[in-house]
């Protein structure tokens, strides 16, 4: 995290590990679905997803952005991480999964 100290990152990772420790796959899935619903409610509760708003980040400060811009960032950032995972799989000698959205659409529309 740009601008964060090693200790801040270590603390954040410790909190995440503590929150997810000893959870079953079913419990992690339930937590994921709960978080997804929170996002759905958040996005459906805003009439103008293009309007600029102020968001406060604890490290970086105030950000002026629209919900659309933040969703685009999340999608791009997710693609970055899927590419990292695919690269790690290839380095371990396994075939990487495609992270191309078009191939996903083909798959779900079969």
PDB file of N, CA and C in Angstrom:
ATOM      1  N   UNK A   1       0.850  -1.176   0.000  1.00  0.00           N
ATOM      2  CA  UNK A   1       0.000   0.000   0.000  1.00  0.00           C
ATOM      3  C   UNK A   1       0.891   1.234   0.000  1.00  0.00           C
ATOM      4  N   UNK A   2       0.757   2.015  -1.040  1.00  0.00           N
ATOM      5  CA  UNK A   2       1.563   3.213  -1.168  1.00  0.00           C
ATOM      6  C   UNK A   2       1.308   4.144   0.009  1.00  0.00           C
ATOM      7  N   UNK A   3       2.346   4.638   0.626  1.00  0.00           N
ATOM      8  CA  UNK A   3       2.195   5.582   1.718  1.00  0.00           C
ATOM      9  C   UNK A   3       1.982   4.918   3.067  1.00  0.00           C
ATOM     10  N   UNK A   4       1.840   3.596   3.087  1.00  0.00           N
ATOM     11  CA  UNK A   4       1.648   2.893   4.342  1.00  0.00           C
ATOM     12  C   UNK A   4       2.971   2.324   4.802  1.00  0.00           C
ATOM     13  N   UNK A   5       3.138   2.292   6.095  1.00  0.00           N
ATOM     14  CA  UNK A   5       4.362   1.712   6.621  1.00  0.00           C
ATOM     15  C   UNK A   5       4.228   0.197   6.679  1.00  0.00           C
ATOM     16  N   UNK A   6       5.348  -0.460   6.776  1.00  0.00           N
ATOM     17  CA  UNK A   6       5.364  -1.917   6.898  1.00  0.00           C
ATOM     18  C   UNK A   6       4.538  -2.343   8.107  1.00  0.00           C
ATOM     19  N   UNK A   7       4.661  -1.619   9.190  1.00  0.00           N
ATOM     20  CA  UNK A   7       3.915  -1.965  10.404  1.00  0.00           C
ATOM     21  C   UNK A   7       2.408  -1.849  10.206  1.00  0.00           C
ATOM     22  N   UNK A   8       1.954  -0.834   9.453  1.00  0.00           N
ATOM     23  CA  UNK A   8       0.519  -0.684   9.189  1.00  0.00           C
ATOM     24  C   UNK A   8       0.001  -1.858   8.364  1.00  0.00           C
ATOM     25  N   UNK A   9       0.765  -2.241   7.341  1.00  0.00           N
ATOM     26  CA  UNK A   9       0.370  -3.366   6.497  1.00  0.00           C
ATOM     27  C   UNK A   9       0.362  -4.647   7.319  1.00  0.00           C
ATOM     28  N   UNK A  10       1.371  -4.841   8.127  1.00  0.00           N
ATOM     29  CA  UNK A  10       1.460  -6.028   8.978  1.00  0.00           C
ATOM     30  C   UNK A  10       0.266  -6.096   9.938  1.00  0.00           C
ATOM     31  N   UNK A  11      -0.115  -4.963  10.495  1.00  0.00           N
ATOM     32  CA  UNK A  11      -1.255  -4.896  11.403  1.00  0.00           C
ATOM     33  C   UNK A  11      -2.558  -5.240  10.673  1.00  0.00           C
ATOM     34  N   UNK A  12      -2.726  -4.690   9.471  1.00  0.00           N
ATOM     35  CA  UNK A  12      -3.925  -4.961   8.679  1.00  0.00           C
ATOM     36  C   UNK A  12      -4.014  -6.448   8.336  1.00  0.00           C
ATOM     37  N   UNK A  13      -2.916  -7.034   7.890  1.00  0.00           N
ATOM     38  CA  UNK A  13      -2.911  -8.453   7.553  1.00  0.00           C
ATOM     39  C   UNK A  13      -3.187  -9.313   8.784  1.00  0.00           C
ATOM     40  N   UNK A  14      -2.660  -8.908   9.937  1.00  0.00           N
ATOM     41  CA  UNK A  14      -2.932  -9.628  11.180  1.00  0.00           C
ATOM     42  C   UNK A  14      -4.413  -9.614  11.516  1.00  0.00           C
ATOM     43  N   UNK A  15      -5.061  -8.474  11.312  1.00  0.00           N
ATOM     44  CA  UNK A  15      -6.494  -8.353  11.588  1.00  0.00           C
ATOM     45  C   UNK A  15      -7.300  -9.244  10.645  1.00  0.00           C
ATOM     46  N   UNK A  16      -6.900  -9.282   9.386  1.00  0.00           N
ATOM     47  CA  UNK A  16      -7.600 -10.129   8.409  1.00  0.00           C
ATOM     48  C   UNK A  16      -7.405 -11.600   8.764  1.00  0.00           C
ATOM     49  N   UNK A  17      -6.188 -11.972   9.116  1.00  0.00           N
ATOM     50  CA  UNK A  17      -5.919 -13.358   9.496  1.00  0.00           C
ATOM     51  C   UNK A  17      -6.725 -13.758  10.727  1.00  0.00           C
ATOM     52  N   UNK A  18      -6.804 -12.871  11.713  1.00  0.00           N
ATOM     53  CA  UNK A  18      -7.561 -13.170  12.935  1.00  0.00           C
ATOM     54  C   UNK A  18      -9.043 -13.342  12.628  1.00  0.00           C
ATOM     55  N   UNK A  19      -9.553 -12.519  11.733  1.00  0.00           N
ATOM     56  CA  UNK A  19     -10.981 -12.559  11.392  1.00  0.00           C
ATOM     57  C   UNK A  19     -11.346 -13.825  10.615  1.00  0.00           C
ATOM     58  N   UNK A  20     -10.410 -14.363   9.838  1.00  0.00           N
ATOM     59  CA  UNK A  20     -10.702 -15.517   8.997  1.00  0.00           C
ATOM     60  C   UNK A  20     -10.123 -16.822   9.529  1.00  0.00           C
ATOM     61  N   UNK A  21      -9.356 -16.761  10.603  1.00  0.00           N
ATOM     62  CA  UNK A  21      -8.718 -17.965  11.159  1.00  0.00           C
ATOM     63  C   UNK A  21      -9.769 -18.984  11.579  1.00  0.00           C
ATOM     64  N   UNK A  22      -9.485 -20.230  11.297  1.00  0.00           N
ATOM     65  CA  UNK A  22     -10.323 -21.365  11.719  1.00  0.00           C
ATOM     66  C   UNK A  22     -11.736 -21.335  11.141  1.00  0.00           C
ATOM     67  N   UNK A  23     -11.937 -20.582  10.070  1.00  0.00           N
ATOM     68  CA  UNK A  23     -13.234 -20.552   9.411  1.00  0.00           C
ATOM     69  C   UNK A  23     -13.281 -21.680   8.377  1.00  0.00           C
ATOM     70  N   UNK A  24     -14.424 -22.301   8.294  1.00  0.00           N
ATOM     71  CA  UNK A  24     -14.605 -23.320   7.262  1.00  0.00           C
ATOM     72  C   UNK A  24     -14.853 -22.620   5.929  1.00  0.00           C
ATOM     73  N   UNK A  25     -14.755 -23.390   4.865  1.00  0.00           N
ATOM     74  CA  UNK A  25     -15.034 -22.835   3.547  1.00  0.00           C
ATOM     75  C   UNK A  25     -16.471 -22.322   3.485  1.00  0.00           C
ATOM     76  N   UNK A  26     -17.392 -23.044   4.112  1.00  0.00           N
ATOM     77  CA  UNK A  26     -18.800 -22.604   4.155  1.00  0.00           C
ATOM     78  C   UNK A  26     -18.928 -21.270   4.876  1.00  0.00           C
ATOM     79  N   UNK A  27     -18.214 -21.087   5.984  1.00  0.00           N
ATOM     80  CA  UNK A  27     -18.271 -19.829   6.738  1.00  0.00           C
ATOM     81  C   UNK A  27     -17.668 -18.686   5.937  1.00  0.00           C
ATOM     82  N   UNK A  28     -16.569 -18.948   5.240  1.00  0.00           N
ATOM     83  CA  UNK A  28     -15.958 -17.915   4.404  1.00  0.00           C
ATOM     84  C   UNK A  28     -16.885 -17.542   3.252  1.00  0.00           C
ATOM     85  N   UNK A  29     -17.545 -18.537   2.672  1.00  0.00           N
ATOM     86  CA  UNK A  29     -18.494 -18.269   1.594  1.00  0.00           C
ATOM     87  C   UNK A  29     -19.658 -17.419   2.113  1.00  0.00           C
ATOM     88  N   UNK A  30     -20.150 -17.740   3.302  1.00  0.00           N
ATOM     89  CA  UNK A  30     -21.256 -16.976   3.889  1.00  0.00           C
ATOM     90  C   UNK A  30     -20.826 -15.527   4.134  1.00  0.00           C
ATOM     91  N   UNK A  31     -19.609 -15.322   4.622  1.00  0.00           N
ATOM     92  CA  UNK A  31     -19.102 -13.969   4.856  1.00  0.00           C
ATOM     93  C   UNK A  31     -18.976 -13.209   3.538  1.00  0.00           C
ATOM     94  N   UNK A  32     -18.518 -13.899   2.504  1.00  0.00           N
ATOM     95  CA  UNK A  32     -18.399 -13.286   1.176  1.00  0.00           C
ATOM     96  C   UNK A  32     -19.775 -12.862   0.659  1.00  0.00           C
ATOM     97  N   UNK A  33     -20.765 -13.751   0.785  1.00  0.00           N
ATOM     98  CA  UNK A  33     -22.109 -13.440   0.304  1.00  0.00           C
ATOM     99  C   UNK A  33     -22.722 -12.280   1.091  1.00  0.00           C
ATOM    100  N   UNK A  34     -22.433 -12.219   2.365  1.00  0.00           N
ATOM    101  CA  UNK A  34     -22.918 -11.101   3.195  1.00  0.00           C
ATOM    102  C   UNK A  34     -22.302  -9.780   2.732  1.00  0.00           C
ATOM    103  N   UNK A  35     -21.001  -9.803   2.459  1.00  0.00           N
ATOM    104  CA  UNK A  35     -20.323  -8.601   1.973  1.00  0.00           C
ATOM    105  C   UNK A  35     -20.851  -8.203   0.595  1.00  0.00           C
ATOM    106  N   UNK A  36     -21.109  -9.180  -0.264  1.00  0.00           N
ATOM    107  CA  UNK A  36     -21.661  -8.900  -1.593  1.00  0.00           C
ATOM    108  C   UNK A  36     -23.021  -8.217  -1.465  1.00  0.00           C
ATOM    109  N   UNK A  37     -23.833  -8.658  -0.526  1.00  0.00           N
ATOM    110  CA  UNK A  37     -25.144  -8.041  -0.322  1.00  0.00           C
ATOM    111  C   UNK A  37     -24.995  -6.603   0.181  1.00  0.00           C
ATOM    112  N   UNK A  38     -24.021  -6.360   1.059  1.00  0.00           N
ATOM    113  CA  UNK A  38     -23.760  -4.993   1.529  1.00  0.00           C
ATOM    114  C   UNK A  38     -23.415  -4.084   0.350  1.00  0.00           C
ATOM    115  N   UNK A  39     -22.596  -4.569  -0.578  1.00  0.00           N
ATOM    116  CA  UNK A  39     -22.245  -3.782  -1.766  1.00  0.00           C
ATOM    117  C   UNK A  39     -23.464  -3.548  -2.644  1.00  0.00           C
ATOM    118  N   UNK A  40     -24.297  -4.592  -2.815  1.00  0.00           N
ATOM    119  CA  UNK A  40     -25.496  -4.466  -3.634  1.00  0.00           C
ATOM    120  C   UNK A  40     -26.418  -3.376  -3.074  1.00  0.00           C
ATOM    121  N   UNK A  41     -26.617  -3.392  -1.759  1.00  0.00           N
ATOM    122  CA  UNK A  41     -27.463  -2.382  -1.107  1.00  0.00           C
ATOM    123  C   UNK A  41     -26.853  -0.991  -1.293  1.00  0.00           C
ATOM    124  N   UNK A  42     -25.541  -0.891  -1.114  1.00  0.00           N
ATOM    125  CA  UNK A  42     -24.846   0.385  -1.276  1.00  0.00           C
ATOM    126  C   UNK A  42     -25.033   0.939  -2.681  1.00  0.00           C
ATOM    127  N   UNK A  43     -24.806   0.092  -3.698  1.00  0.00           N
ATOM    128  CA  UNK A  43     -24.904   0.556  -5.084  1.00  0.00           C
ATOM    129  C   UNK A  43     -26.339   0.867  -5.483  1.00  0.00           C
ATOM    130  N   UNK A  44     -27.291   0.086  -5.010  1.00  0.00           N
ATOM    131  CA  UNK A  44     -28.695   0.335  -5.344  1.00  0.00           C
ATOM    132  C   UNK A  44     -29.269   1.527  -4.589  1.00  0.00           C
ATOM    133  N   UNK A  45     -28.600   1.964  -3.540  1.00  0.00           N
ATOM    134  CA  UNK A  45     -29.094   3.086  -2.749  1.00  0.00           C
ATOM    135  C   UNK A  45     -28.665   4.444  -3.272  1.00  0.00           C
ATOM    136  N   UNK A  46     -27.944   4.469  -4.379  1.00  0.00           N
ATOM    137  CA  UNK A  46     -27.439   5.723  -4.935  1.00  0.00           C
ATOM    138  C   UNK A  46     -28.085   5.966  -6.291  1.00  0.00           C
ATOM    139  N   UNK A  47     -28.793   7.095  -6.416  1.00  0.00           N
ATOM    140  CA  UNK A  47     -29.498   7.397  -7.663  1.00  0.00           C
ATOM    141  C   UNK A  47     -28.576   7.889  -8.776  1.00  0.00           C
ATOM    142  N   UNK A  48     -27.446   8.485  -8.439  1.00  0.00           N
ATOM    143  CA  UNK A  48     -26.559   9.051  -9.451  1.00  0.00           C
ATOM    144  C   UNK A  48     -25.151   8.490  -9.277  1.00  0.00           C
ATOM    145  N   UNK A  49     -24.878   7.408  -9.972  1.00  0.00           N
ATOM    146  CA  UNK A  49     -23.579   6.748  -9.851  1.00  0.00           C
ATOM    147  C   UNK A  49     -22.464   7.519 -10.549  1.00  0.00           C
ATOM    148  N   UNK A  50     -22.815   8.558 -11.319  1.00  0.00           N
ATOM    149  CA  UNK A  50     -21.827   9.368 -12.038  1.00  0.00           C
ATOM    150  C   UNK A  50     -21.383  10.589 -11.229  1.00  0.00           C
ATOM    151  N   UNK A  51     -22.174  10.963 -10.223  1.00  0.00           N
ATOM    152  CA  UNK A  51     -21.883  12.180  -9.455  1.00  0.00           C
ATOM    153  C   UNK A  51     -20.619  12.005  -8.618  1.00  0.00           C
ATOM    154  N   UNK A  52     -19.807  13.055  -8.597  1.00  0.00           N
ATOM    155  CA  UNK A  52     -18.595  13.041  -7.774  1.00  0.00           C
ATOM    156  C   UNK A  52     -18.992  13.178  -6.302  1.00  0.00           C
ATOM    157  N   UNK A  53     -18.343  12.385  -5.474  1.00  0.00           N
ATOM    158  CA  UNK A  53     -18.573  12.427  -4.030  1.00  0.00           C
ATOM    159  C   UNK A  53     -17.217  12.412  -3.352  1.00  0.00           C
ATOM    160  N   UNK A  54     -17.219  12.709  -2.083  1.00  0.00           N
ATOM    161  CA  UNK A  54     -15.979  12.649  -1.319  1.00  0.00           C
ATOM    162  C   UNK A  54     -15.955  11.376  -0.486  1.00  0.00           C
ATOM    163  N   UNK A  55     -14.839  10.663  -0.579  1.00  0.00           N
ATOM    164  CA  UNK A  55     -14.616   9.456   0.195  1.00  0.00           C
ATOM    165  C   UNK A  55     -13.362   9.673   1.021  1.00  0.00           C
ATOM    166  N   UNK A  56     -13.375   9.208   2.240  1.00  0.00           N
ATOM    167  CA  UNK A  56     -12.217   9.388   3.128  1.00  0.00           C
ATOM    168  C   UNK A  56     -11.489   8.069   3.307  1.00  0.00           C
ATOM    169  N   UNK A  57     -10.246   8.040   2.893  1.00  0.00           N
ATOM    170  CA  UNK A  57      -9.381   6.879   3.085  1.00  0.00           C
ATOM    171  C   UNK A  57      -8.521   7.156   4.317  1.00  0.00           C
ATOM    172  N   UNK A  58      -8.372   6.168   5.200  1.00  0.00           N
ATOM    173  CA  UNK A  58      -7.634   6.420   6.451  1.00  0.00           C
ATOM    174  C   UNK A  58      -6.162   6.782   6.258  1.00  0.00           C
ATOM    175  N   UNK A  59      -5.573   6.388   5.145  1.00  0.00           N
ATOM    176  CA  UNK A  59      -4.157   6.691   4.907  1.00  0.00           C
ATOM    177  C   UNK A  59      -3.962   7.803   3.893  1.00  0.00           C
ATOM    178  N   UNK A  60      -4.715   7.756   2.791  1.00  0.00           N
ATOM    179  CA  UNK A  60      -4.491   8.677   1.691  1.00  0.00           C
ATOM    180  C   UNK A  60      -5.318   9.948   1.754  1.00  0.00           C
ATOM    181  N   UNK A  61      -6.328  10.002   2.627  1.00  0.00           N
ATOM    182  CA  UNK A  61      -7.136  11.204   2.773  1.00  0.00           C
ATOM    183  C   UNK A  61      -8.348  11.229   1.868  1.00  0.00           C
ATOM    184  N   UNK A  62      -8.784  12.434   1.496  1.00  0.00           N
ATOM    185  CA  UNK A  62     -10.030  12.626   0.748  1.00  0.00           C
ATOM    186  C   UNK A  62      -9.821  12.309  -0.740  1.00  0.00           C
ATOM    187  N   UNK A  63     -10.788  11.585  -1.294  1.00  0.00           N
ATOM    188  CA  UNK A  63     -10.805  11.265  -2.713  1.00  0.00           C
ATOM    189  C   UNK A  63     -12.117  11.762  -3.292  1.00  0.00           C
ATOM    190  N   UNK A  64     -12.042  12.549  -4.353  1.00  0.00           N
ATOM    191  CA  UNK A  64     -13.234  12.988  -5.080  1.00  0.00           C
ATOM    192  C   UNK A  64     -13.398  12.074  -6.281  1.00  0.00           C
ATOM    193  N   UNK A  65     -14.440  11.243  -6.243  1.00  0.00           N
ATOM    194  CA  UNK A  65     -14.660  10.282  -7.322  1.00  0.00           C
ATOM    195  C   UNK A  65     -16.131   9.895  -7.365  1.00  0.00           C
ATOM    196  N   UNK A  66     -16.540   9.352  -8.499  1.00  0.00           N
ATOM    197  CA  UNK A  66     -17.904   8.841  -8.618  1.00  0.00           C
ATOM    198  C   UNK A  66     -17.900   7.356  -8.268  1.00  0.00           C
ATOM    199  N   UNK A  67     -19.079   6.839  -7.975  1.00  0.00           N
ATOM    200  CA  UNK A  67     -19.211   5.403  -7.722  1.00  0.00           C
ATOM    201  C   UNK A  67     -18.774   4.636  -8.969  1.00  0.00           C
ATOM    202  N   UNK A  68     -19.142   5.124 -10.155  1.00  0.00           N
ATOM    203  CA  UNK A  68     -18.719   4.474 -11.404  1.00  0.00           C
ATOM    204  C   UNK A  68     -17.200   4.338 -11.477  1.00  0.00           C
ATOM    205  N   UNK A  69     -16.491   5.395 -11.119  1.00  0.00           N
ATOM    206  CA  UNK A  69     -15.023   5.359 -11.169  1.00  0.00           C
ATOM    207  C   UNK A  69     -14.461   4.343 -10.176  1.00  0.00           C
ATOM    208  N   UNK A  70     -15.081   4.266  -9.003  1.00  0.00           N
ATOM    209  CA  UNK A  70     -14.603   3.314  -8.000  1.00  0.00           C
ATOM    210  C   UNK A  70     -14.867   1.869  -8.430  1.00  0.00           C
ATOM    211  N   UNK A  71     -16.031   1.630  -9.032  1.00  0.00           N
ATOM    212  CA  UNK A  71     -16.328   0.284  -9.515  1.00  0.00           C
ATOM    213  C   UNK A  71     -15.353  -0.097 -10.631  1.00  0.00           C
ATOM    214  N   UNK A  72     -15.059   0.845 -11.527  1.00  0.00           N
ATOM    215  CA  UNK A  72     -14.090   0.577 -12.590  1.00  0.00           C
ATOM    216  C   UNK A  72     -12.723   0.248 -11.988  1.00  0.00           C
ATOM    217  N   UNK A  73     -12.326   0.969 -10.967  1.00  0.00           N
ATOM    218  CA  UNK A  73     -11.049   0.688 -10.304  1.00  0.00           C
ATOM    219  C   UNK A  73     -11.046  -0.717  -9.710  1.00  0.00           C
ATOM    220  N   UNK A  74     -12.134  -1.090  -9.051  1.00  0.00           N
ATOM    221  CA  UNK A  74     -12.211  -2.406  -8.425  1.00  0.00           C
ATOM    222  C   UNK A  74     -12.100  -3.508  -9.475  1.00  0.00           C
ATOM    223  N   UNK A  75     -12.787  -3.323 -10.592  1.00  0.00           N
ATOM    224  CA  UNK A  75     -12.721  -4.322 -11.664  1.00  0.00           C
ATOM    225  C   UNK A  75     -11.301  -4.426 -12.228  1.00  0.00           C
ATOM    226  N   UNK A  76     -10.681  -3.296 -12.487  1.00  0.00           N
ATOM    227  CA  UNK A  76      -9.304  -3.310 -13.003  1.00  0.00           C
ATOM    228  C   UNK A  76      -8.347  -3.927 -11.992  1.00  0.00           C
ATOM    229  N   UNK A  77      -8.527  -3.605 -10.734  1.00  0.00           N
ATOM    230  CA  UNK A  77      -7.634  -4.122  -9.703  1.00  0.00           C
ATOM    231  C   UNK A  77      -7.810  -5.631  -9.550  1.00  0.00           C
ATOM    232  N   UNK A  78      -9.055  -6.096  -9.663  1.00  0.00           N
ATOM    233  CA  UNK A  78      -9.298  -7.536  -9.616  1.00  0.00           C
ATOM    234  C   UNK A  78      -8.629  -8.255 -10.759  1.00  0.00           C
ATOM    235  N   UNK A  79      -8.650  -7.648 -11.943  1.00  0.00           N
ATOM    236  CA  UNK A  79      -7.982  -8.223 -13.106  1.00  0.00           C
ATOM    237  C   UNK A  79      -6.481  -8.339 -12.853  1.00  0.00           C
ATOM    238  N   UNK A  80      -5.921  -7.336 -12.244  1.00  0.00           N
ATOM    239  CA  UNK A  80      -4.489  -7.339 -11.894  1.00  0.00           C
ATOM    240  C   UNK A  80      -4.171  -8.557 -11.022  1.00  0.00           C
ATOM    241  N   UNK A  81      -4.983  -8.774  -9.994  1.00  0.00           N
ATOM    242  CA  UNK A  81      -4.724  -9.895  -9.084  1.00  0.00           C
ATOM    243  C   UNK A  81      -4.971 -11.246  -9.755  1.00  0.00           C
ATOM    244  N   UNK A  82      -5.999 -11.345 -10.607  1.00  0.00           N
ATOM    245  CA  UNK A  82      -6.223 -12.605 -11.327  1.00  0.00           C
ATOM    246  C   UNK A  82      -5.023 -12.917 -12.217  1.00  0.00           C
ATOM    247  N   UNK A  83      -4.445 -11.895 -12.830  1.00  0.00           N
ATOM    248  CA  UNK A  83      -3.242 -12.101 -13.642  1.00  0.00           C
ATOM    249  C   UNK A  83      -2.072 -12.577 -12.804  1.00  0.00           C
ATOM    250  N   UNK A  84      -1.939 -12.011 -11.593  1.00  0.00           N
ATOM    251  CA  UNK A  84      -0.868 -12.456 -10.691  1.00  0.00           C
ATOM    252  C   UNK A  84      -1.025 -13.930 -10.338  1.00  0.00           C
ATOM    253  N   UNK A  85      -2.248 -14.328 -10.021  1.00  0.00           N
ATOM    254  CA  UNK A  85      -2.506 -15.726  -9.653  1.00  0.00           C
ATOM    255  C   UNK A  85      -2.217 -16.643 -10.830  1.00  0.00           C
ATOM    256  N   UNK A  86      -2.643 -16.226 -12.022  1.00  0.00           N
ATOM    257  CA  UNK A  86      -2.386 -17.029 -13.214  1.00  0.00           C
ATOM    258  C   UNK A  86      -0.878 -17.173 -13.450  1.00  0.00           C
ATOM    259  N   UNK A  87      -0.121 -16.110 -13.246  1.00  0.00           N
ATOM    260  CA  UNK A  87       1.340 -16.169 -13.401  1.00  0.00           C
ATOM    261  C   UNK A  87       1.965 -17.112 -12.384  1.00  0.00           C
ATOM    262  N   UNK A  88       1.475 -17.060 -11.154  1.00  0.00           N
ATOM    263  CA  UNK A  88       2.004 -17.962 -10.111  1.00  0.00           C
ATOM    264  C   UNK A  88       1.737 -19.419 -10.479  1.00  0.00           C
ATOM    265  N   UNK A  89       0.537 -19.697 -10.997  1.00  0.00           N
ATOM    266  CA  UNK A  89       0.217 -21.069 -11.406  1.00  0.00           C
ATOM    267  C   UNK A  89       1.162 -21.537 -12.510  1.00  0.00           C
ATOM    268  N   UNK A  90       1.399 -20.669 -13.495  1.00  0.00           N
ATOM    269  CA  UNK A  90       2.314 -21.026 -14.589  1.00  0.00           C
ATOM    270  C   UNK A  90       3.723 -21.297 -14.061  1.00  0.00           C
ATOM    271  N   UNK A  91       4.182 -20.484 -13.113  1.00  0.00           N
ATOM    272  CA  UNK A  91       5.507 -20.676 -12.545  1.00  0.00           C
ATOM    273  C   UNK A  91       5.618 -22.010 -11.798  1.00  0.00           C
ATOM    274  N   UNK A  92       4.482 -22.491 -11.301  1.00  0.00           N
ATOM    275  CA  UNK A  92       4.458 -23.781 -10.614  1.00  0.00           C
ATOM    276  C   UNK A  92       4.224 -24.945 -11.572  1.00  0.00           C
ATOM    277  N   UNK A  93       4.157 -24.624 -12.878  1.00  0.00           N
ATOM    278  CA  UNK A  93       4.013 -25.665 -13.885  1.00  0.00           C
ATOM    279  C   UNK A  93       2.582 -26.016 -14.239  1.00  0.00           C
ATOM    280  N   UNK A  94       1.615 -25.251 -13.786  1.00  0.00           N
ATOM    281  CA  UNK A  94       0.207 -25.508 -14.093  1.00  0.00           C
ATOM    282  C   UNK A  94      -0.278 -24.522 -15.154  1.00  0.00           C
ATOM    283  N   UNK A  95      -1.298 -24.921 -15.869  1.00  0.00           N
ATOM    284  CA  UNK A  95      -1.884 -24.013 -16.854  1.00  0.00           C
ATOM    285  C   UNK A  95      -2.638 -22.911 -16.110  1.00  0.00           C
ATOM    286  N   UNK A  96      -2.389 -21.686 -16.474  1.00  0.00           N
ATOM    287  CA  UNK A  96      -3.100 -20.570 -15.860  1.00  0.00           C
ATOM    288  C   UNK A  96      -4.502 -20.459 -16.430  1.00  0.00           C
ATOM    289  N   UNK A  97      -5.406 -19.974 -15.629  1.00  0.00           N
ATOM    290  CA  UNK A  97      -6.775 -19.763 -16.086  1.00  0.00           C
ATOM    291  C   UNK A  97      -6.856 -18.428 -16.818  1.00  0.00           C
ATOM    292  N   UNK A  98      -7.692 -18.382 -17.829  1.00  0.00           N
ATOM    293  CA  UNK A  98      -7.869 -17.131 -18.563  1.00  0.00           C
ATOM    294  C   UNK A  98      -8.559 -16.119 -17.667  1.00  0.00           C
ATOM    295  N   UNK A  99      -8.092 -14.894 -17.689  1.00  0.00           N
ATOM    296  CA  UNK A  99      -8.752 -13.829 -16.919  1.00  0.00           C
ATOM    297  C   UNK A  99      -9.412 -12.827 -17.858  1.00  0.00           C
ATOM    298  N   UNK A 100      -9.578 -13.232 -19.114  1.00  0.00           N
ATOM    299  CA  UNK A 100     -10.205 -12.370 -20.107  1.00  0.00           C
ATOM    300  C   UNK A 100     -11.720 -12.419 -19.932  1.00  0.00           C
ATOM    301  N   UNK A 101     -12.333 -11.277 -19.743  1.00  0.00           N
ATOM    302  CA  UNK A 101     -13.766 -11.192 -19.471  1.00  0.00           C
ATOM    303  C   UNK A 101     -14.601 -11.774 -20.602  1.00  0.00           C
ATOM    304  N   UNK A 102     -14.150 -11.598 -21.838  1.00  0.00           N
ATOM    305  CA  UNK A 102     -14.891 -12.127 -22.986  1.00  0.00           C
ATOM    306  C   UNK A 102     -14.996 -13.651 -22.898  1.00  0.00           C
ATOM    307  N   UNK A 103     -13.917 -14.315 -22.477  1.00  0.00           N
ATOM    308  CA  UNK A 103     -13.970 -15.775 -22.338  1.00  0.00           C
ATOM    309  C   UNK A 103     -14.915 -16.177 -21.206  1.00  0.00           C
ATOM    310  N   UNK A 104     -14.973 -15.393 -20.172  1.00  0.00           N
ATOM    311  CA  UNK A 104     -15.938 -15.632 -19.101  1.00  0.00           C
ATOM    312  C   UNK A 104     -17.355 -15.552 -19.653  1.00  0.00           C
ATOM    313  N   UNK A 105     -17.632 -14.515 -20.445  1.00  0.00           N
ATOM    314  CA  UNK A 105     -18.981 -14.358 -21.022  1.00  0.00           C
ATOM    315  C   UNK A 105     -19.330 -15.544 -21.926  1.00  0.00           C
ATOM    316  N   UNK A 106     -18.367 -15.999 -22.721  1.00  0.00           N
ATOM    317  CA  UNK A 106     -18.624 -17.185 -23.542  1.00  0.00           C
ATOM    318  C   UNK A 106     -18.980 -18.374 -22.662  1.00  0.00           C
ATOM    319  N   UNK A 107     -18.252 -18.550 -21.589  1.00  0.00           N
ATOM    320  CA  UNK A 107     -18.467 -19.695 -20.697  1.00  0.00           C
ATOM    321  C   UNK A 107     -19.841 -19.650 -20.035  1.00  0.00           C
ATOM    322  N   UNK A 108     -20.254 -18.510 -19.526  1.00  0.00           N
ATOM    323  CA  UNK A 108     -21.547 -18.426 -18.833  1.00  0.00           C
ATOM    324  C   UNK A 108     -22.731 -18.445 -19.794  1.00  0.00           C
ATOM    325  N   UNK A 109     -22.477 -18.178 -21.076  1.00  0.00           N
ATOM    326  CA  UNK A 109     -23.570 -18.167 -22.057  1.00  0.00           C
ATOM    327  C   UNK A 109     -23.680 -19.456 -22.842  1.00  0.00           C
ATOM    328  N   UNK A 110     -22.932 -20.506 -22.442  1.00  0.00           N
ATOM    329  CA  UNK A 110     -23.006 -21.799 -23.142  1.00  0.00           C
ATOM    330  C   UNK A 110     -24.369 -22.420 -22.947  1.00  0.00           C
TER     331      UNK A 110
END
